């Protein structure tokens, strides 16, 4: 009779792992197609350049800063929850 040990057993895999990679690949493909269509339309249409000239750079910069700050706060909150670090100490470490 043959004994079974951990080395002879096949490696364990998570169920659905292949499906997750298929979903990620399909999402990347759709994004690449949409981005390519956007770039093609932008090159063929002069309205994109005129709309770029009317954009408010200060408002766009403020919007970007708000989005990046909110993302940073989410990361700090998750880090504080996982690592046991108090949120106030994590914010103090940033030295705004």
N, C-alpha and C. Protein backbone atom coordinates (compact mmCIF):
# COMPACT_ATOMS: atom_id res chain seq x y z
N UNK A 1 0.83 -1.17 0.00
CA UNK A 1 0.00 0.00 0.00
C UNK A 1 0.89 1.25 0.00
N UNK A 2 0.53 2.20 -0.81
CA UNK A 2 1.33 3.41 -0.98
C UNK A 2 0.89 4.48 0.00
N UNK A 3 1.86 5.10 0.67
CA UNK A 3 1.52 6.17 1.61
C UNK A 3 1.48 7.51 0.86
N UNK A 4 0.59 8.35 1.28
CA UNK A 4 0.48 9.67 0.66
C UNK A 4 0.98 10.70 1.65
N UNK A 5 1.80 11.56 1.16
CA UNK A 5 2.25 12.67 1.99
C UNK A 5 2.03 13.98 1.24
N UNK A 6 2.36 15.06 1.88
CA UNK A 6 2.06 16.38 1.32
C UNK A 6 2.83 16.65 0.03
N UNK A 7 4.02 16.05 -0.12
CA UNK A 7 4.81 16.30 -1.33
C UNK A 7 4.20 15.64 -2.57
N UNK A 8 3.50 14.54 -2.39
CA UNK A 8 2.91 13.84 -3.52
C UNK A 8 1.57 14.43 -3.95
N UNK A 9 0.96 15.19 -3.08
CA UNK A 9 -0.36 15.75 -3.38
C UNK A 9 -0.23 16.88 -4.40
N UNK A 10 -1.20 17.00 -5.31
CA UNK A 10 -1.15 18.10 -6.27
C UNK A 10 -1.33 19.44 -5.54
N UNK A 11 -0.75 20.51 -6.07
CA UNK A 11 -0.89 21.80 -5.39
C UNK A 11 -2.34 22.26 -5.39
N UNK A 12 -2.72 22.87 -4.29
CA UNK A 12 -4.10 23.35 -4.17
C UNK A 12 -4.25 24.65 -4.94
N UNK A 13 -5.36 24.78 -5.62
CA UNK A 13 -5.67 26.01 -6.37
C UNK A 13 -6.99 26.56 -5.88
N UNK A 14 -7.12 27.85 -5.96
CA UNK A 14 -8.38 28.47 -5.61
C UNK A 14 -9.39 28.25 -6.72
N UNK A 15 -10.61 27.99 -6.32
CA UNK A 15 -11.67 27.85 -7.32
C UNK A 15 -11.91 29.18 -8.00
N UNK A 16 -12.15 29.15 -9.28
CA UNK A 16 -12.49 30.36 -10.01
C UNK A 16 -11.32 31.25 -10.36
N UNK A 17 -10.10 30.83 -10.04
CA UNK A 17 -8.94 31.68 -10.31
C UNK A 17 -8.77 31.93 -11.80
N UNK A 18 -8.98 30.90 -12.62
CA UNK A 18 -8.88 31.08 -14.06
C UNK A 18 -9.94 32.06 -14.57
N UNK A 19 -11.12 31.99 -14.00
CA UNK A 19 -12.19 32.89 -14.39
C UNK A 19 -11.88 34.34 -14.07
N UNK A 20 -11.20 34.56 -12.96
CA UNK A 20 -10.82 35.92 -12.58
C UNK A 20 -9.83 36.48 -13.60
N UNK A 21 -8.86 35.66 -14.02
CA UNK A 21 -7.88 36.14 -15.00
C UNK A 21 -8.53 36.39 -16.35
N UNK A 22 -9.50 35.58 -16.71
CA UNK A 22 -10.23 35.82 -17.96
C UNK A 22 -10.98 37.14 -17.87
N UNK A 23 -11.61 37.40 -16.74
CA UNK A 23 -12.32 38.66 -16.55
C UNK A 23 -11.37 39.85 -16.62
N UNK A 24 -10.22 39.75 -15.98
CA UNK A 24 -9.24 40.85 -16.01
C UNK A 24 -8.74 41.07 -17.43
N UNK A 25 -8.44 39.99 -18.15
CA UNK A 25 -7.98 40.13 -19.53
C UNK A 25 -9.05 40.74 -20.43
N UNK A 26 -10.29 40.30 -20.26
CA UNK A 26 -11.39 40.86 -21.06
C UNK A 26 -11.58 42.34 -20.75
N UNK A 27 -11.47 42.71 -19.49
CA UNK A 27 -11.61 44.11 -19.11
C UNK A 27 -10.49 44.95 -19.71
N UNK A 28 -9.27 44.44 -19.69
CA UNK A 28 -8.14 45.16 -20.29
C UNK A 28 -8.33 45.30 -21.80
N UNK A 29 -8.84 44.27 -22.44
CA UNK A 29 -9.09 44.33 -23.88
C UNK A 29 -10.15 45.36 -24.22
N UNK A 30 -11.23 45.38 -23.48
CA UNK A 30 -12.29 46.38 -23.72
C UNK A 30 -11.74 47.78 -23.49
N UNK A 31 -10.97 47.98 -22.44
CA UNK A 31 -10.39 49.29 -22.19
C UNK A 31 -9.47 49.70 -23.34
N UNK A 32 -8.63 48.78 -23.82
CA UNK A 32 -7.72 49.10 -24.92
C UNK A 32 -8.50 49.46 -26.19
N UNK A 33 -9.56 48.73 -26.47
CA UNK A 33 -10.39 49.05 -27.64
C UNK A 33 -11.04 50.41 -27.51
N UNK A 34 -11.61 50.71 -26.35
CA UNK A 34 -12.25 52.01 -26.16
C UNK A 34 -11.23 53.14 -26.23
N UNK A 35 -10.06 52.93 -25.65
CA UNK A 35 -9.02 53.96 -25.69
C UNK A 35 -8.55 54.18 -27.12
N UNK A 36 -8.39 53.11 -27.89
CA UNK A 36 -8.00 53.24 -29.28
C UNK A 36 -9.04 53.97 -30.11
N UNK A 37 -10.32 53.66 -29.87
CA UNK A 37 -11.39 54.37 -30.59
C UNK A 37 -11.40 55.85 -30.21
N UNK A 38 -11.18 56.15 -28.94
CA UNK A 38 -11.12 57.54 -28.51
C UNK A 38 -9.98 58.29 -29.20
N UNK A 39 -8.79 57.67 -29.25
CA UNK A 39 -7.64 58.32 -29.88
C UNK A 39 -7.85 58.53 -31.38
N UNK A 40 -8.47 57.55 -32.02
CA UNK A 40 -8.75 57.70 -33.45
C UNK A 40 -9.73 58.84 -33.69
N UNK A 41 -10.77 58.93 -32.88
CA UNK A 41 -11.75 60.01 -33.02
C UNK A 41 -11.12 61.36 -32.72
N UNK A 42 -10.23 61.38 -31.75
CA UNK A 42 -9.57 62.64 -31.38
C UNK A 42 -8.69 63.14 -32.53
N UNK A 43 -8.01 62.24 -33.22
CA UNK A 43 -7.14 62.65 -34.32
C UNK A 43 -7.95 63.15 -35.52
N UNK A 44 -9.18 62.67 -35.68
CA UNK A 44 -9.98 63.03 -36.85
C UNK A 44 -10.92 64.20 -36.61
N UNK A 45 -11.05 64.66 -35.37
CA UNK A 45 -12.04 65.68 -35.05
C UNK A 45 -11.35 66.88 -34.42
N UNK A 46 -11.56 68.07 -34.98
CA UNK A 46 -10.91 69.29 -34.48
C UNK A 46 -11.58 69.82 -33.21
N UNK A 47 -12.77 69.33 -32.88
CA UNK A 47 -13.46 69.82 -31.68
C UNK A 47 -12.70 69.49 -30.40
N UNK A 48 -11.92 68.45 -30.41
CA UNK A 48 -11.16 68.08 -29.23
C UNK A 48 -10.14 69.16 -28.88
N UNK A 49 -9.48 69.70 -29.88
CA UNK A 49 -8.47 70.74 -29.64
C UNK A 49 -9.12 72.02 -29.13
N UNK A 50 -10.26 72.39 -29.70
CA UNK A 50 -10.92 73.62 -29.25
C UNK A 50 -11.46 73.45 -27.82
N UNK A 51 -11.92 72.27 -27.47
CA UNK A 51 -12.40 72.07 -26.10
C UNK A 51 -11.25 72.04 -25.11
N UNK A 52 -10.08 71.55 -25.55
CA UNK A 52 -8.91 71.55 -24.68
C UNK A 52 -8.48 72.98 -24.34
N UNK A 53 -8.60 73.87 -25.29
CA UNK A 53 -8.20 75.26 -25.07
C UNK A 53 -9.14 76.00 -24.12
N UNK A 54 -10.37 75.54 -24.00
CA UNK A 54 -11.33 76.20 -23.11
C UNK A 54 -11.36 75.57 -21.72
N UNK A 55 -10.56 74.54 -21.48
CA UNK A 55 -10.56 73.88 -20.17
C UNK A 55 -9.91 74.77 -19.12
N UNK A 56 -10.41 74.68 -17.90
CA UNK A 56 -9.86 75.44 -16.79
C UNK A 56 -8.82 74.55 -16.09
N UNK A 57 -7.55 74.92 -16.26
CA UNK A 57 -6.45 74.10 -15.73
C UNK A 57 -6.46 74.10 -14.20
N UNK A 58 -6.77 75.23 -13.59
CA UNK A 58 -6.78 75.30 -12.12
C UNK A 58 -7.87 74.40 -11.54
N UNK A 59 -9.03 74.39 -12.17
CA UNK A 59 -10.12 73.54 -11.69
C UNK A 59 -9.79 72.06 -11.89
N UNK A 60 -9.15 71.74 -13.01
CA UNK A 60 -8.73 70.36 -13.25
C UNK A 60 -7.67 69.92 -12.25
N UNK A 61 -6.74 70.82 -11.92
CA UNK A 61 -5.72 70.51 -10.92
C UNK A 61 -6.32 70.30 -9.55
N UNK A 62 -7.30 71.13 -9.19
CA UNK A 62 -7.99 70.97 -7.90
C UNK A 62 -8.73 69.64 -7.84
N UNK A 63 -9.40 69.29 -8.93
CA UNK A 63 -10.12 68.02 -8.98
C UNK A 63 -9.16 66.84 -8.83
N UNK A 64 -8.02 66.90 -9.50
CA UNK A 64 -7.02 65.84 -9.38
C UNK A 64 -6.49 65.73 -7.97
N UNK A 65 -6.23 66.86 -7.34
CA UNK A 65 -5.72 66.87 -5.97
C UNK A 65 -6.74 66.26 -5.00
N UNK A 66 -8.01 66.59 -5.19
CA UNK A 66 -9.07 66.03 -4.33
C UNK A 66 -9.15 64.51 -4.51
N UNK A 67 -9.11 64.04 -5.75
CA UNK A 67 -9.19 62.59 -6.00
C UNK A 67 -8.00 61.85 -5.42
N UNK A 68 -6.79 62.40 -5.60
CA UNK A 68 -5.60 61.74 -5.04
C UNK A 68 -5.62 61.74 -3.52
N UNK A 69 -6.07 62.83 -2.92
CA UNK A 69 -6.15 62.89 -1.45
C UNK A 69 -7.16 61.89 -0.92
N UNK A 70 -8.30 61.78 -1.58
CA UNK A 70 -9.30 60.82 -1.11
C UNK A 70 -8.78 59.39 -1.24
N UNK A 71 -8.06 59.09 -2.31
CA UNK A 71 -7.47 57.76 -2.45
C UNK A 71 -6.44 57.49 -1.37
N UNK A 72 -5.63 58.49 -1.07
CA UNK A 72 -4.63 58.35 -0.01
C UNK A 72 -5.29 58.09 1.34
N UNK A 73 -6.37 58.79 1.62
CA UNK A 73 -7.06 58.59 2.90
C UNK A 73 -7.68 57.20 3.00
N UNK A 74 -8.16 56.67 1.89
CA UNK A 74 -8.70 55.31 1.91
C UNK A 74 -7.58 54.31 2.19
N UNK A 75 -6.42 54.50 1.55
CA UNK A 75 -5.29 53.60 1.79
C UNK A 75 -4.84 53.69 3.24
N UNK A 76 -4.77 54.89 3.78
CA UNK A 76 -4.37 55.05 5.18
C UNK A 76 -5.37 54.40 6.13
N UNK A 77 -6.65 54.51 5.81
CA UNK A 77 -7.67 53.90 6.67
C UNK A 77 -7.56 52.37 6.64
N UNK A 78 -7.36 51.80 5.47
CA UNK A 78 -7.21 50.35 5.38
C UNK A 78 -5.95 49.90 6.09
N UNK A 79 -4.86 50.66 5.92
CA UNK A 79 -3.62 50.33 6.61
C UNK A 79 -3.80 50.38 8.12
N UNK A 80 -4.51 51.38 8.58
CA UNK A 80 -4.75 51.51 10.02
C UNK A 80 -5.59 50.35 10.54
N UNK A 81 -6.57 49.93 9.77
CA UNK A 81 -7.41 48.80 10.20
C UNK A 81 -6.63 47.49 10.21
N UNK A 82 -5.80 47.29 9.22
CA UNK A 82 -5.06 46.03 9.13
C UNK A 82 -3.86 45.97 10.07
N UNK A 83 -3.18 47.08 10.24
CA UNK A 83 -1.95 47.06 11.01
C UNK A 83 -2.10 47.48 12.45
N UNK A 84 -3.27 47.91 12.83
CA UNK A 84 -3.48 48.34 14.20
C UNK A 84 -2.94 49.73 14.49
N UNK A 85 -2.50 50.45 13.49
CA UNK A 85 -2.01 51.81 13.68
C UNK A 85 -3.21 52.74 13.78
N UNK A 86 -3.16 53.64 14.73
CA UNK A 86 -4.25 54.58 14.87
C UNK A 86 -4.25 55.54 13.69
N UNK A 87 -5.44 55.88 13.23
CA UNK A 87 -5.56 56.72 12.04
C UNK A 87 -4.93 58.09 12.26
N UNK A 88 -5.08 58.65 13.43
CA UNK A 88 -4.51 59.97 13.71
C UNK A 88 -2.99 59.95 13.60
N UNK A 89 -2.37 58.88 14.06
CA UNK A 89 -0.91 58.77 13.95
C UNK A 89 -0.47 58.66 12.50
N UNK A 90 -1.27 57.94 11.70
CA UNK A 90 -0.93 57.81 10.27
C UNK A 90 -1.05 59.15 9.56
N UNK A 91 -2.05 59.93 9.92
CA UNK A 91 -2.22 61.24 9.29
C UNK A 91 -1.12 62.18 9.75
N UNK A 92 -0.74 62.12 11.02
CA UNK A 92 0.34 62.96 11.53
C UNK A 92 1.65 62.64 10.83
N UNK A 93 1.84 61.40 10.43
CA UNK A 93 3.08 61.00 9.76
C UNK A 93 3.21 61.65 8.40
N UNK A 94 2.09 62.06 7.81
CA UNK A 94 2.14 62.69 6.49
C UNK A 94 2.71 64.11 6.55
N UNK A 95 2.57 64.79 7.67
CA UNK A 95 3.06 66.16 7.87
C UNK A 95 2.56 67.09 6.79
N UNK A 96 1.23 67.22 6.73
CA UNK A 96 0.64 68.14 5.75
C UNK A 96 1.17 69.49 5.98
